[in-house]
Amino acid sequence: MDKVFINQLQVDTVIGIYDWEKEIQQSLFLDLEMDWDISRAAKSDDYQYALCYETVSNRLIELVSEKPIELIETVAELVACCLLDEFHVSKVMVTVNKPGAVKQAANVGVKIIRTKNL
């Protein structure tokens, strides 16, 4: 299967379990790898058959930033469900990065793989 990817999609949102985190916005960075058959779009050179990176990006930014979330695990599941349900990808790998969450680490995060239930 072909892959469509978006790397380091920045989403500024209220994220975290601590009281101080609930009062500020922090940056999350999403890496997405989506199974998508690009052959029809490639053969026809027609946008309507492509998975639009901008549309996907805008939807995910809206989804993740619409309300406070405590866990990046929740963010990963929300993003995966959105991609499977709204964009009809058959499989997705979602990585949610939260740089600065642990002072001694450059980055921390979670990575999940989800497939569409047929």
PDB file of N, CA and C in Angstrom:
ATOM      1  N   MET A   1       0.847  -1.186   0.000  1.00  0.00           N
ATOM      2  CA  MET A   1       0.000   0.000   0.000  1.00  0.00           C
ATOM      3  C   MET A   1       0.883   1.236   0.000  1.00  0.00           C
ATOM      4  N   ASP A   2       0.425   2.241  -0.703  1.00  0.00           N
ATOM      5  CA  ASP A   2       1.131   3.522  -0.749  1.00  0.00           C
ATOM      6  C   ASP A   2       0.952   4.250   0.580  1.00  0.00           C
ATOM      7  N   LYS A   3       1.845   5.160   0.842  1.00  0.00           N
ATOM      8  CA  LYS A   3       1.814   5.936   2.084  1.00  0.00           C
ATOM      9  C   LYS A   3       1.766   7.427   1.760  1.00  0.00           C
ATOM     10  N   VAL A   4       0.918   8.122   2.462  1.00  0.00           N
ATOM     11  CA  VAL A   4       0.905   9.582   2.445  1.00  0.00           C
ATOM     12  C   VAL A   4       1.318   9.999   3.851  1.00  0.00           C
ATOM     13  N   PHE A   5       2.258  10.936   3.942  1.00  0.00           N
ATOM     14  CA  PHE A   5       2.727  11.298   5.277  1.00  0.00           C
ATOM     15  C   PHE A   5       2.730  12.802   5.482  1.00  0.00           C
ATOM     16  N   ILE A   6       2.610  13.166   6.734  1.00  0.00           N
ATOM     17  CA  ILE A   6       2.768  14.543   7.191  1.00  0.00           C
ATOM     18  C   ILE A   6       3.675  14.461   8.412  1.00  0.00           C
ATOM     19  N   ASN A   7       4.758  15.215   8.403  1.00  0.00           N
ATOM     20  CA  ASN A   7       5.702  15.192   9.520  1.00  0.00           C
ATOM     21  C   ASN A   7       5.712  16.532  10.252  1.00  0.00           C
ATOM     22  N   GLN A   8       5.782  16.425  11.578  1.00  0.00           N
ATOM     23  CA  GLN A   8       5.956  17.577  12.453  1.00  0.00           C
ATOM     24  C   GLN A   8       4.856  18.628  12.286  1.00  0.00           C
ATOM     25  N   LEU A   9       3.614  18.159  12.184  1.00  0.00           N
ATOM     26  CA  LEU A   9       2.473  19.071  12.160  1.00  0.00           C
ATOM     27  C   LEU A   9       2.323  19.680  13.550  1.00  0.00           C
ATOM     28  N   GLN A  10       2.525  20.981  13.645  1.00  0.00           N
ATOM     29  CA  GLN A  10       2.485  21.661  14.941  1.00  0.00           C
ATOM     30  C   GLN A  10       1.053  22.003  15.314  1.00  0.00           C
ATOM     31  N   VAL A  11       0.671  21.585  16.530  1.00  0.00           N
ATOM     32  CA  VAL A  11      -0.640  21.917  17.076  1.00  0.00           C
ATOM     33  C   VAL A  11      -0.410  22.556  18.441  1.00  0.00           C
ATOM     34  N   ASP A  12      -0.807  23.793  18.569  1.00  0.00           N
ATOM     35  CA  ASP A  12      -0.704  24.499  19.849  1.00  0.00           C
ATOM     36  C   ASP A  12      -2.038  24.336  20.572  1.00  0.00           C
ATOM     37  N   THR A  13      -1.975  23.746  21.775  1.00  0.00           N
ATOM     38  CA  THR A  13      -3.197  23.393  22.481  1.00  0.00           C
ATOM     39  C   THR A  13      -2.950  23.330  23.981  1.00  0.00           C
ATOM     40  N   VAL A  14      -4.018  23.204  24.730  1.00  0.00           N
ATOM     41  CA  VAL A  14      -3.927  22.976  26.166  1.00  0.00           C
ATOM     42  C   VAL A  14      -3.846  21.472  26.367  1.00  0.00           C
ATOM     43  N   ILE A  15      -2.707  21.021  26.890  1.00  0.00           N
ATOM     44  CA  ILE A  15      -2.452  19.585  27.031  1.00  0.00           C
ATOM     45  C   ILE A  15      -1.685  19.343  28.322  1.00  0.00           C
ATOM     46  N   GLY A  16      -2.152  18.396  29.117  1.00  0.00           N
ATOM     47  CA  GLY A  16      -1.389  18.035  30.302  1.00  0.00           C
ATOM     48  C   GLY A  16      -2.264  17.736  31.501  1.00  0.00           C
ATOM     49  N   ILE A  17      -1.631  17.124  32.493  1.00  0.00           N
ATOM     50  CA  ILE A  17      -2.346  16.695  33.699  1.00  0.00           C
ATOM     51  C   ILE A  17      -2.156  17.646  34.876  1.00  0.00           C
ATOM     52  N   TYR A  18      -1.127  18.479  34.805  1.00  0.00           N
ATOM     53  CA  TYR A  18      -0.842  19.369  35.927  1.00  0.00           C
ATOM     54  C   TYR A  18      -1.659  20.658  35.820  1.00  0.00           C
ATOM     55  N   ASP A  19      -1.973  21.236  36.966  1.00  0.00           N
ATOM     56  CA  ASP A  19      -2.771  22.468  36.977  1.00  0.00           C
ATOM     57  C   ASP A  19      -2.139  23.563  36.129  1.00  0.00           C
ATOM     58  N   TRP A  20      -0.827  23.729  36.219  1.00  0.00           N
ATOM     59  CA  TRP A  20      -0.161  24.789  35.465  1.00  0.00           C
ATOM     60  C   TRP A  20      -0.269  24.545  33.961  1.00  0.00           C
ATOM     61  N   GLU A  21      -0.327  23.270  33.539  1.00  0.00           N
ATOM     62  CA  GLU A  21      -0.448  22.956  32.109  1.00  0.00           C
ATOM     63  C   GLU A  21      -1.842  23.312  31.581  1.00  0.00           C
ATOM     64  N   LYS A  22      -2.812  23.298  32.464  1.00  0.00           N
ATOM     65  CA  LYS A  22      -4.190  23.573  32.061  1.00  0.00           C
ATOM     66  C   LYS A  22      -4.446  25.059  31.861  1.00  0.00           C
ATOM     67  N   GLU A  23      -3.428  25.860  32.129  1.00  0.00           N
ATOM     68  CA  GLU A  23      -3.562  27.310  31.998  1.00  0.00           C
ATOM     69  C   GLU A  23      -2.741  27.886  30.847  1.00  0.00           C
ATOM     70  N   ILE A  24      -2.019  27.023  30.120  1.00  0.00           N
ATOM     71  CA  ILE A  24      -1.159  27.500  29.029  1.00  0.00           C
ATOM     72  C   ILE A  24      -1.355  26.619  27.790  1.00  0.00           C
ATOM     73  N   GLN A  25      -0.909  27.136  26.676  1.00  0.00           N
ATOM     74  CA  GLN A  25      -0.853  26.324  25.466  1.00  0.00           C
ATOM     75  C   GLN A  25       0.557  25.774  25.310  1.00  0.00           C
ATOM     76  N   GLN A  26       0.627  24.540  24.847  1.00  0.00           N
ATOM     77  CA  GLN A  26       1.903  23.904  24.547  1.00  0.00           C
ATOM     78  C   GLN A  26       1.848  23.372  23.126  1.00  0.00           C
ATOM     79  N   SER A  27       3.009  23.175  22.550  1.00  0.00           N
ATOM     80  CA  SER A  27       3.070  22.653  21.186  1.00  0.00           C
ATOM     81  C   SER A  27       3.223  21.140  21.192  1.00  0.00           C
ATOM     82  N   LEU A  28       2.358  20.493  20.436  1.00  0.00           N
ATOM     83  CA  LEU A  28       2.509  19.085  20.107  1.00  0.00           C
ATOM     84  C   LEU A  28       2.910  19.020  18.642  1.00  0.00           C
ATOM     85  N   PHE A  29       3.650  17.982  18.287  1.00  0.00           N
ATOM     86  CA  PHE A  29       4.038  17.777  16.903  1.00  0.00           C
ATOM     87  C   PHE A  29       3.582  16.384  16.488  1.00  0.00           C
ATOM     88  N   LEU A  30       2.781  16.332  15.424  1.00  0.00           N
ATOM     89  CA  LEU A  30       2.211  15.074  14.960  1.00  0.00           C
ATOM     90  C   LEU A  30       2.955  14.591  13.727  1.00  0.00           C
ATOM     91  N   ASP A  31       3.295  13.312  13.733  1.00  0.00           N
ATOM     92  CA  ASP A  31       3.811  12.635  12.545  1.00  0.00           C
ATOM     93  C   ASP A  31       2.756  11.617  12.141  1.00  0.00           C
ATOM     94  N   LEU A  32       2.355  11.669  10.873  1.00  0.00           N
ATOM     95  CA  LEU A  32       1.292  10.814  10.376  1.00  0.00           C
ATOM     96  C   LEU A  32       1.779  10.035   9.164  1.00  0.00           C
ATOM     97  N   GLU A  33       1.467   8.755   9.136  1.00  0.00           N
ATOM     98  CA  GLU A  33       1.719   7.930   7.966  1.00  0.00           C
ATOM     99  C   GLU A  33       0.424   7.181   7.669  1.00  0.00           C
ATOM    100  N   MET A  34      -0.162   7.492   6.519  1.00  0.00           N
ATOM    101  CA  MET A  34      -1.486   6.989   6.187  1.00  0.00           C
ATOM    102  C   MET A  34      -1.432   6.104   4.943  1.00  0.00           C
ATOM    103  N   ASP A  35      -2.040   4.926   5.029  1.00  0.00           N
ATOM    104  CA  ASP A  35      -2.161   4.077   3.852  1.00  0.00           C
ATOM    105  C   ASP A  35      -3.204   4.689   2.924  1.00  0.00           C
ATOM    106  N   TRP A  36      -2.799   4.938   1.696  1.00  0.00           N
ATOM    107  CA  TRP A  36      -3.682   5.567   0.721  1.00  0.00           C
ATOM    108  C   TRP A  36      -3.205   5.184  -0.677  1.00  0.00           C
ATOM    109  N   ASP A  37      -4.080   4.620  -1.461  1.00  0.00           N
ATOM    110  CA  ASP A  37      -3.741   4.234  -2.828  1.00  0.00           C
ATOM    111  C   ASP A  37      -3.673   5.494  -3.689  1.00  0.00           C
ATOM    112  N   ILE A  38      -2.459   5.852  -4.096  1.00  0.00           N
ATOM    113  CA  ILE A  38      -2.291   7.079  -4.876  1.00  0.00           C
ATOM    114  C   ILE A  38      -2.397   6.841  -6.383  1.00  0.00           C
ATOM    115  N   SER A  39      -2.582   5.605  -6.804  1.00  0.00           N
ATOM    116  CA  SER A  39      -2.504   5.297  -8.234  1.00  0.00           C
ATOM    117  C   SER A  39      -3.543   6.042  -9.074  1.00  0.00           C
ATOM    118  N   ARG A  40      -4.781   6.142  -8.600  1.00  0.00           N
ATOM    119  CA  ARG A  40      -5.812   6.829  -9.373  1.00  0.00           C
ATOM    120  C   ARG A  40      -5.482   8.312  -9.533  1.00  0.00           C
ATOM    121  N   ALA A  41      -5.037   8.933  -8.460  1.00  0.00           N
ATOM    122  CA  ALA A  41      -4.646  10.341  -8.538  1.00  0.00           C
ATOM    123  C   ALA A  41      -3.444  10.513  -9.461  1.00  0.00           C
ATOM    124  N   ALA A  42      -2.470   9.616  -9.352  1.00  0.00           N
ATOM    125  CA  ALA A  42      -1.260   9.724 -10.164  1.00  0.00           C
ATOM    126  C   ALA A  42      -1.566   9.531 -11.652  1.00  0.00           C
ATOM    127  N   LYS A  43      -2.402   8.554 -11.965  1.00  0.00           N
ATOM    128  CA  LYS A  43      -2.723   8.278 -13.375  1.00  0.00           C
ATOM    129  C   LYS A  43      -3.542   9.393 -14.006  1.00  0.00           C
ATOM    130  N   SER A  44      -4.466   9.959 -13.238  1.00  0.00           N
ATOM    131  CA  SER A  44      -5.352  10.981 -13.788  1.00  0.00           C
ATOM    132  C   SER A  44      -4.819  12.398 -13.592  1.00  0.00           C
ATOM    133  N   ASP A  45      -3.852  12.548 -12.711  1.00  0.00           N
ATOM    134  CA  ASP A  45      -3.349  13.867 -12.313  1.00  0.00           C
ATOM    135  C   ASP A  45      -4.507  14.741 -11.847  1.00  0.00           C
ATOM    136  N   ASP A  46      -5.425  14.109 -11.105  1.00  0.00           N
ATOM    137  CA  ASP A  46      -6.654  14.778 -10.668  1.00  0.00           C
ATOM    138  C   ASP A  46      -6.690  14.838  -9.146  1.00  0.00           C
ATOM    139  N   TYR A  47      -6.758  16.055  -8.640  1.00  0.00           N
ATOM    140  CA  TYR A  47      -6.745  16.332  -7.205  1.00  0.00           C
ATOM    141  C   TYR A  47      -7.860  15.610  -6.450  1.00  0.00           C
ATOM    142  N   GLN A  48      -9.006  15.410  -7.069  1.00  0.00           N
ATOM    143  CA  GLN A  48     -10.145  14.817  -6.360  1.00  0.00           C
ATOM    144  C   GLN A  48      -9.856  13.400  -5.867  1.00  0.00           C
ATOM    145  N   TYR A  49      -8.850  12.756  -6.398  1.00  0.00           N
ATOM    146  CA  TYR A  49      -8.503  11.395  -5.989  1.00  0.00           C
ATOM    147  C   TYR A  49      -7.331  11.352  -5.011  1.00  0.00           C
ATOM    148  N   ALA A  50      -6.838  12.493  -4.657  1.00  0.00           N
ATOM    149  CA  ALA A  50      -5.691  12.579  -3.741  1.00  0.00           C
ATOM    150  C   ALA A  50      -6.172  12.794  -2.310  1.00  0.00           C
ATOM    151  N   LEU A  51      -5.335  12.418  -1.381  1.00  0.00           N
ATOM    152  CA  LEU A  51      -5.566  12.728   0.020  1.00  0.00           C
ATOM    153  C   LEU A  51      -4.909  14.079   0.276  1.00  0.00           C
ATOM    154  N   CYS A  52      -5.715  15.094   0.504  1.00  0.00           N
ATOM    155  CA  CYS A  52      -5.213  16.472   0.587  1.00  0.00           C
ATOM    156  C   CYS A  52      -4.517  16.716   1.925  1.00  0.00           C
ATOM    157  N   TYR A  53      -3.226  16.999   1.877  1.00  0.00           N
ATOM    158  CA  TYR A  53      -2.446  17.244   3.088  1.00  0.00           C
ATOM    159  C   TYR A  53      -2.965  18.443   3.863  1.00  0.00           C
ATOM    160  N   GLU A  54      -3.336  19.491   3.137  1.00  0.00           N
ATOM    161  CA  GLU A  54      -3.800  20.704   3.801  1.00  0.00           C
ATOM    162  C   GLU A  54      -5.133  20.471   4.514  1.00  0.00           C
ATOM    163  N   THR A  55      -6.047  19.772   3.866  1.00  0.00           N
ATOM    164  CA  THR A  55      -7.341  19.484   4.485  1.00  0.00           C
ATOM    165  C   THR A  55      -7.169  18.618   5.722  1.00  0.00           C
ATOM    166  N   VAL A  56      -6.343  17.588   5.606  1.00  0.00           N
ATOM    167  CA  VAL A  56      -6.063  16.718   6.750  1.00  0.00           C
ATOM    168  C   VAL A  56      -5.431  17.525   7.877  1.00  0.00           C
ATOM    169  N   SER A  57      -4.429  18.307   7.565  1.00  0.00           N
ATOM    170  CA  SER A  57      -3.730  19.106   8.578  1.00  0.00           C
ATOM    171  C   SER A  57      -4.662  20.060   9.291  1.00  0.00           C
ATOM    172  N   ASN A  58      -5.455  20.790   8.536  1.00  0.00           N
ATOM    173  CA  ASN A  58      -6.385  21.757   9.144  1.00  0.00           C
ATOM    174  C   ASN A  58      -7.404  21.068  10.038  1.00  0.00           C
ATOM    175  N   ARG A  59      -7.912  19.920   9.614  1.00  0.00           N
ATOM    176  CA  ARG A  59      -8.898  19.199  10.416  1.00  0.00           C
ATOM    177  C   ARG A  59      -8.282  18.716  11.727  1.00  0.00           C
ATOM    178  N   LEU A  60      -7.069  18.200  11.668  1.00  0.00           N
ATOM    179  CA  LEU A  60      -6.427  17.678  12.878  1.00  0.00           C
ATOM    180  C   LEU A  60      -6.057  18.798  13.846  1.00  0.00           C
ATOM    181  N   ILE A  61      -5.622  19.925  13.330  1.00  0.00           N
ATOM    182  CA  ILE A  61      -5.334  21.073  14.196  1.00  0.00           C
ATOM    183  C   ILE A  61      -6.611  21.493  14.916  1.00  0.00           C
ATOM    184  N   GLU A  62      -7.694  21.573  14.174  1.00  0.00           N
ATOM    185  CA  GLU A  62      -8.988  21.929  14.767  1.00  0.00           C
ATOM    186  C   GLU A  62      -9.398  20.908  15.829  1.00  0.00           C
ATOM    187  N   LEU A  63      -9.294  19.638  15.515  1.00  0.00           N
ATOM    188  CA  LEU A  63      -9.702  18.560  16.426  1.00  0.00           C
ATOM    189  C   LEU A  63      -8.924  18.591  17.734  1.00  0.00           C
ATOM    190  N   VAL A  64      -7.612  18.682  17.647  1.00  0.00           N
ATOM    191  CA  VAL A  64      -6.760  18.595  18.831  1.00  0.00           C
ATOM    192  C   VAL A  64      -6.826  19.864  19.680  1.00  0.00           C
ATOM    193  N   SER A  65      -7.097  20.983  19.054  1.00  0.00           N
ATOM    194  CA  SER A  65      -7.078  22.242  19.809  1.00  0.00           C
ATOM    195  C   SER A  65      -8.462  22.724  20.240  1.00  0.00           C
ATOM    196  N   GLU A  66      -9.519  21.980  19.928  1.00  0.00           N
ATOM    197  CA  GLU A  66     -10.864  22.476  20.247  1.00  0.00           C
ATOM    198  C   GLU A  66     -11.212  22.437  21.726  1.00  0.00           C
ATOM    199  N   LYS A  67     -10.551  21.575  22.495  1.00  0.00           N
ATOM    200  CA  LYS A  67     -10.803  21.529  23.939  1.00  0.00           C
ATOM    201  C   LYS A  67      -9.568  20.988  24.645  1.00  0.00           C
ATOM    202  N   PRO A  68      -9.420  21.297  25.925  1.00  0.00           N
ATOM    203  CA  PRO A  68      -8.265  20.778  26.670  1.00  0.00           C
ATOM    204  C   PRO A  68      -8.287  19.246  26.730  1.00  0.00           C
ATOM    205  N   ILE A  69      -7.108  18.665  26.637  1.00  0.00           N
ATOM    206  CA  ILE A  69      -6.926  17.216  26.732  1.00  0.00           C
ATOM    207  C   ILE A  69      -5.809  16.972  27.726  1.00  0.00           C
ATOM    208  N   GLU A  70      -5.932  15.954  28.537  1.00  0.00           N
ATOM    209  CA  GLU A  70      -4.895  15.675  29.525  1.00  0.00           C
ATOM    210  C   GLU A  70      -3.761  14.815  28.972  1.00  0.00           C
ATOM    211  N   LEU A  71      -4.077  13.813  28.170  1.00  0.00           N
ATOM    212  CA  LEU A  71      -3.070  12.821  27.781  1.00  0.00           C
ATOM    213  C   LEU A  71      -2.765  12.846  26.287  1.00  0.00           C
ATOM    214  N   ILE A  72      -1.493  12.679  25.956  1.00  0.00           N
ATOM    215  CA  ILE A  72      -1.140  12.572  24.538  1.00  0.00           C
ATOM    216  C   ILE A  72      -1.651  11.245  23.961  1.00  0.00           C
ATOM    217  N   GLU A  73      -1.885  10.272  24.797  1.00  0.00           N
ATOM    218  CA  GLU A  73      -2.496   9.021  24.337  1.00  0.00           C
ATOM    219  C   GLU A  73      -3.888   9.291  23.768  1.00  0.00           C
ATOM    220  N   THR A  74      -4.618  10.175  24.426  1.00  0.00           N
ATOM    221  CA  THR A  74      -5.949  10.562  23.949  1.00  0.00           C
ATOM    222  C   THR A  74      -5.846  11.277  22.606  1.00  0.00           C
ATOM    223  N   VAL A  75      -4.863  12.153  22.479  1.00  0.00           N
ATOM    224  CA  VAL A  75      -4.639  12.853  21.216  1.00  0.00           C
ATOM    225  C   VAL A  75      -4.383  11.840  20.099  1.00  0.00           C
ATOM    226  N   ALA A  76      -3.531  10.875  20.343  1.00  0.00           N
ATOM    227  CA  ALA A  76      -3.205   9.880  19.323  1.00  0.00           C
ATOM    228  C   ALA A  76      -4.452   9.122  18.871  1.00  0.00           C
ATOM    229  N   GLU A  77      -5.271   8.704  19.815  1.00  0.00           N
ATOM    230  CA  GLU A  77      -6.495   7.961  19.472  1.00  0.00           C
ATOM    231  C   GLU A  77      -7.484   8.837  18.707  1.00  0.00           C
ATOM    232  N   LEU A  78      -7.667  10.085  19.137  1.00  0.00           N
ATOM    233  CA  LEU A  78      -8.565  11.001  18.433  1.00  0.00           C
ATOM    234  C   LEU A  78      -8.131  11.202  16.986  1.00  0.00           C
ATOM    235  N   VAL A  79      -6.842  11.417  16.802  1.00  0.00           N
ATOM    236  CA  VAL A  79      -6.297  11.643  15.465  1.00  0.00           C
ATOM    237  C   VAL A  79      -6.487  10.397  14.599  1.00  0.00           C
ATOM    238  N   ALA A  80      -6.153   9.245  15.135  1.00  0.00           N
ATOM    239  CA  ALA A  80      -6.296   8.003  14.365  1.00  0.00           C
ATOM    240  C   ALA A  80      -7.745   7.767  13.969  1.00  0.00           C
ATOM    241  N   CYS A  81      -8.659   7.930  14.903  1.00  0.00           N
ATOM    242  CA  CYS A  81     -10.086   7.730  14.610  1.00  0.00           C
ATOM    243  C   CYS A  81     -10.571   8.699  13.542  1.00  0.00           C
ATOM    244  N   CYS A  82     -10.155   9.944  13.622  1.00  0.00           N
ATOM    245  CA  CYS A  82     -10.535  10.941  12.632  1.00  0.00           C
ATOM    246  C   CYS A  82     -10.054  10.546  11.239  1.00  0.00           C
ATOM    247  N   LEU A  83      -8.809  10.126  11.144  1.00  0.00           N
ATOM    248  CA  LEU A  83      -8.254   9.762   9.840  1.00  0.00           C
ATOM    249  C   LEU A  83      -8.950   8.540   9.262  1.00  0.00           C
ATOM    250  N   LEU A  84      -9.247   7.559  10.101  1.00  0.00           N
ATOM    251  CA  LEU A  84      -9.921   6.347   9.636  1.00  0.00           C
ATOM    252  C   LEU A  84     -11.368   6.624   9.248  1.00  0.00           C
ATOM    253  N   ASP A  85     -12.064   7.402  10.056  1.00  0.00           N
ATOM    254  CA  ASP A  85     -13.494   7.620   9.850  1.00  0.00           C
ATOM    255  C   ASP A  85     -13.812   8.729   8.843  1.00  0.00           C
ATOM    256  N   GLU A  86     -13.161   9.857   8.984  1.00  0.00           N
ATOM    257  CA  GLU A  86     -13.491  11.002   8.140  1.00  0.00           C
ATOM    258  C   GLU A  86     -12.752  11.015   6.806  1.00  0.00           C
ATOM    259  N   PHE A  87     -11.536  10.496   6.790  1.00  0.00           N
ATOM    260  CA  PHE A  87     -10.736  10.541   5.569  1.00  0.00           C
ATOM    261  C   PHE A  87     -10.611   9.173   4.900  1.00  0.00           C
ATOM    262  N   HIS A  88     -11.163   8.173   5.544  1.00  0.00           N
ATOM    263  CA  HIS A  88     -11.269   6.826   4.965  1.00  0.00           C
ATOM    264  C   HIS A  88      -9.929   6.201   4.597  1.00  0.00           C
ATOM    265  N   VAL A  89      -8.903   6.488   5.392  1.00  0.00           N
ATOM    266  CA  VAL A  89      -7.646   5.773   5.196  1.00  0.00           C
ATOM    267  C   VAL A  89      -7.826   4.381   5.802  1.00  0.00           C
ATOM    268  N   SER A  90      -7.134   3.405   5.270  1.00  0.00           N
ATOM    269  CA  SER A  90      -7.314   2.029   5.750  1.00  0.00           C
ATOM    270  C   SER A  90      -6.427   1.705   6.942  1.00  0.00           C
ATOM    271  N   LYS A  91      -5.313   2.412   7.054  1.00  0.00           N
ATOM    272  CA  LYS A  91      -4.374   2.182   8.159  1.00  0.00           C
ATOM    273  C   LYS A  91      -3.623   3.478   8.404  1.00  0.00           C
ATOM    274  N   VAL A  92      -3.319   3.733   9.672  1.00  0.00           N
ATOM    275  CA  VAL A  92      -2.605   4.956  10.007  1.00  0.00           C
ATOM    276  C   VAL A  92      -1.621   4.702  11.146  1.00  0.00           C
ATOM    277  N   MET A  93      -0.473   5.341  11.052  1.00  0.00           N
ATOM    278  CA  MET A  93       0.463   5.387  12.163  1.00  0.00           C
ATOM    279  C   MET A  93       0.520   6.845  12.612  1.00  0.00           C
ATOM    280  N   VAL A  94       0.258   7.056  13.890  1.00  0.00           N
ATOM    281  CA  VAL A  94       0.234   8.402  14.460  1.00  0.00           C
ATOM    282  C   VAL A  94       1.290   8.476  15.554  1.00  0.00           C
ATOM    283  N   THR A  95       2.161   9.454  15.454  1.00  0.00           N
ATOM    284  CA  THR A  95       3.126   9.740  16.512  1.00  0.00           C
ATOM    285  C   THR A  95       2.809  11.123  17.059  1.00  0.00           C
ATOM    286  N   VAL A  96       2.656  11.198  18.384  1.00  0.00           N
ATOM    287  CA  VAL A  96       2.424  12.481  19.045  1.00  0.00           C
ATOM    288  C   VAL A  96       3.665  12.798  19.869  1.00  0.00           C
ATOM    289  N   ASN A  97       4.321  13.889  19.528  1.00  0.00           N
ATOM    290  CA  ASN A  97       5.531  14.331  20.205  1.00  0.00           C
ATOM    291  C   ASN A  97       5.206  15.503  21.119  1.00  0.00           C
ATOM    292  N   LYS A  98       5.734  15.446  22.336  1.00  0.00           N
ATOM    293  CA  LYS A  98       5.560  16.556  23.288  1.00  0.00           C
ATOM    294  C   LYS A  98       6.948  16.965  23.801  1.00  0.00           C
ATOM    295  N   PRO A  99       7.649  17.766  22.984  1.00  0.00           N
ATOM    296  CA  PRO A  99       8.992  18.180  23.404  1.00  0.00           C
ATOM    297  C   PRO A  99       8.926  19.050  24.655  1.00  0.00           C
ATOM    298  N   GLY A 100       9.914  18.880  25.509  1.00  0.00           N
ATOM    299  CA  GLY A 100       9.977  19.676  26.720  1.00  0.00           C
ATOM    300  C   GLY A 100       9.190  19.116  27.885  1.00  0.00           C
ATOM    301  N   ALA A 101       8.481  18.017  27.692  1.00  0.00           N
ATOM    302  CA  ALA A 101       7.672  17.449  28.774  1.00  0.00           C
ATOM    303  C   ALA A 101       8.546  16.874  29.888  1.00  0.00           C
ATOM    304  N   VAL A 102       9.703  16.371  29.524  1.00  0.00           N
ATOM    305  CA  VAL A 102      10.682  15.870  30.494  1.00  0.00           C
ATOM    306  C   VAL A 102      11.960  16.659  30.269  1.00  0.00           C
ATOM    307  N   LYS A 103      12.358  17.381  31.288  1.00  0.00           N
ATOM    308  CA  LYS A 103      13.498  18.297  31.157  1.00  0.00           C
ATOM    309  C   LYS A 103      14.752  17.604  30.622  1.00  0.00           C
ATOM    310  N   GLN A 104      14.980  16.378  31.026  1.00  0.00           N
ATOM    311  CA  GLN A 104      16.201  15.675  30.646  1.00  0.00           C
ATOM    312  C   GLN A 104      16.121  15.022  29.256  1.00  0.00           C
ATOM    313  N   ALA A 105      14.966  15.087  28.605  1.00  0.00           N
ATOM    314  CA  ALA A 105      14.793  14.457  27.297  1.00  0.00           C
ATOM    315  C   ALA A 105      14.489  15.512  26.239  1.00  0.00           C
ATOM    316  N   ALA A 106      15.014  15.318  25.059  1.00  0.00           N
ATOM    317  CA  ALA A 106      14.731  16.236  23.958  1.00  0.00           C
ATOM    318  C   ALA A 106      13.272  16.139  23.523  1.00  0.00           C
ATOM    319  N   ASN A 107      12.708  14.955  23.670  1.00  0.00           N
ATOM    320  CA  ASN A 107      11.348  14.739  23.202  1.00  0.00           C
ATOM    321  C   ASN A 107      10.781  13.494  23.867  1.00  0.00           C
ATOM    322  N   VAL A 108       9.485  13.485  24.061  1.00  0.00           N
ATOM    323  CA  VAL A 108       8.775  12.285  24.508  1.00  0.00           C
ATOM    324  C   VAL A 108       7.509  12.184  23.673  1.00  0.00           C
ATOM    325  N   GLY A 109       6.917  11.000  23.646  1.00  0.00           N
ATOM    326  CA  GLY A 109       5.698  10.862  22.882  1.00  0.00           C
ATOM    327  C   GLY A 109       5.163   9.450  22.864  1.00  0.00           C
ATOM    328  N   VAL A 110       4.141   9.282  22.049  1.00  0.00           N
ATOM    329  CA  VAL A 110       3.542   7.964  21.846  1.00  0.00           C
ATOM    330  C   VAL A 110       3.383   7.747  20.352  1.00  0.00           C
ATOM    331  N   LYS A 111       3.391   6.470  19.973  1.00  0.00           N
ATOM    332  CA  LYS A 111       3.182   6.085  18.578  1.00  0.00           C
ATOM    333  C   LYS A 111       2.184   4.946  18.570  1.00  0.00           C
ATOM    334  N   ILE A 112       1.137   5.090  17.729  1.00  0.00           N
ATOM    335  CA  ILE A 112       0.141   4.034  17.606  1.00  0.00           C
ATOM    336  C   ILE A 112      -0.093   3.715  16.140  1.00  0.00           C
ATOM    337  N   ILE A 113      -0.549   2.504  15.897  1.00  0.00           N
ATOM    338  CA  ILE A 113      -0.960   2.075  14.574  1.00  0.00           C
ATOM    339  C   ILE A 113      -2.382   1.562  14.700  1.00  0.00           C
ATOM    340  N   ARG A 114      -3.257   2.067  13.843  1.00  0.00           N
ATOM    341  CA  ARG A 114      -4.647   1.650  13.852  1.00  0.00           C
ATOM    342  C   ARG A 114      -5.095   1.325  12.421  1.00  0.00           C
ATOM    343  N   THR A 115      -5.993   0.368  12.315  1.00  0.00           N
ATOM    344  CA  THR A 115      -6.547   0.001  11.015  1.00  0.00           C
ATOM    345  C   THR A 115      -8.058   0.123  11.047  1.00  0.00           C
ATOM    346  N   LYS A 116      -8.614   0.312   9.886  1.00  0.00           N
ATOM    347  CA  LYS A 116     -10.066   0.440   9.760  1.00  0.00           C
ATOM    348  C   LYS A 116     -10.708  -0.932   9.963  1.00  0.00           C
ATOM    349  N   ASN A 117     -11.725  -0.977  10.794  1.00  0.00           N
ATOM    350  CA  ASN A 117     -12.475  -2.208  10.988  1.00  0.00           C
ATOM    351  C   ASN A 117     -13.435  -2.375   9.833  1.00  0.00           C
ATOM    352  N   LEU A 118     -13.308  -3.483   9.135  1.00  0.00           N
ATOM    353  CA  LEU A 118     -14.170  -3.723   7.978  1.00  0.00           C
ATOM    354  C   LEU A 118     -15.365  -4.557   8.347  1.00  0.00           C
TER     355      LEU A 118
END
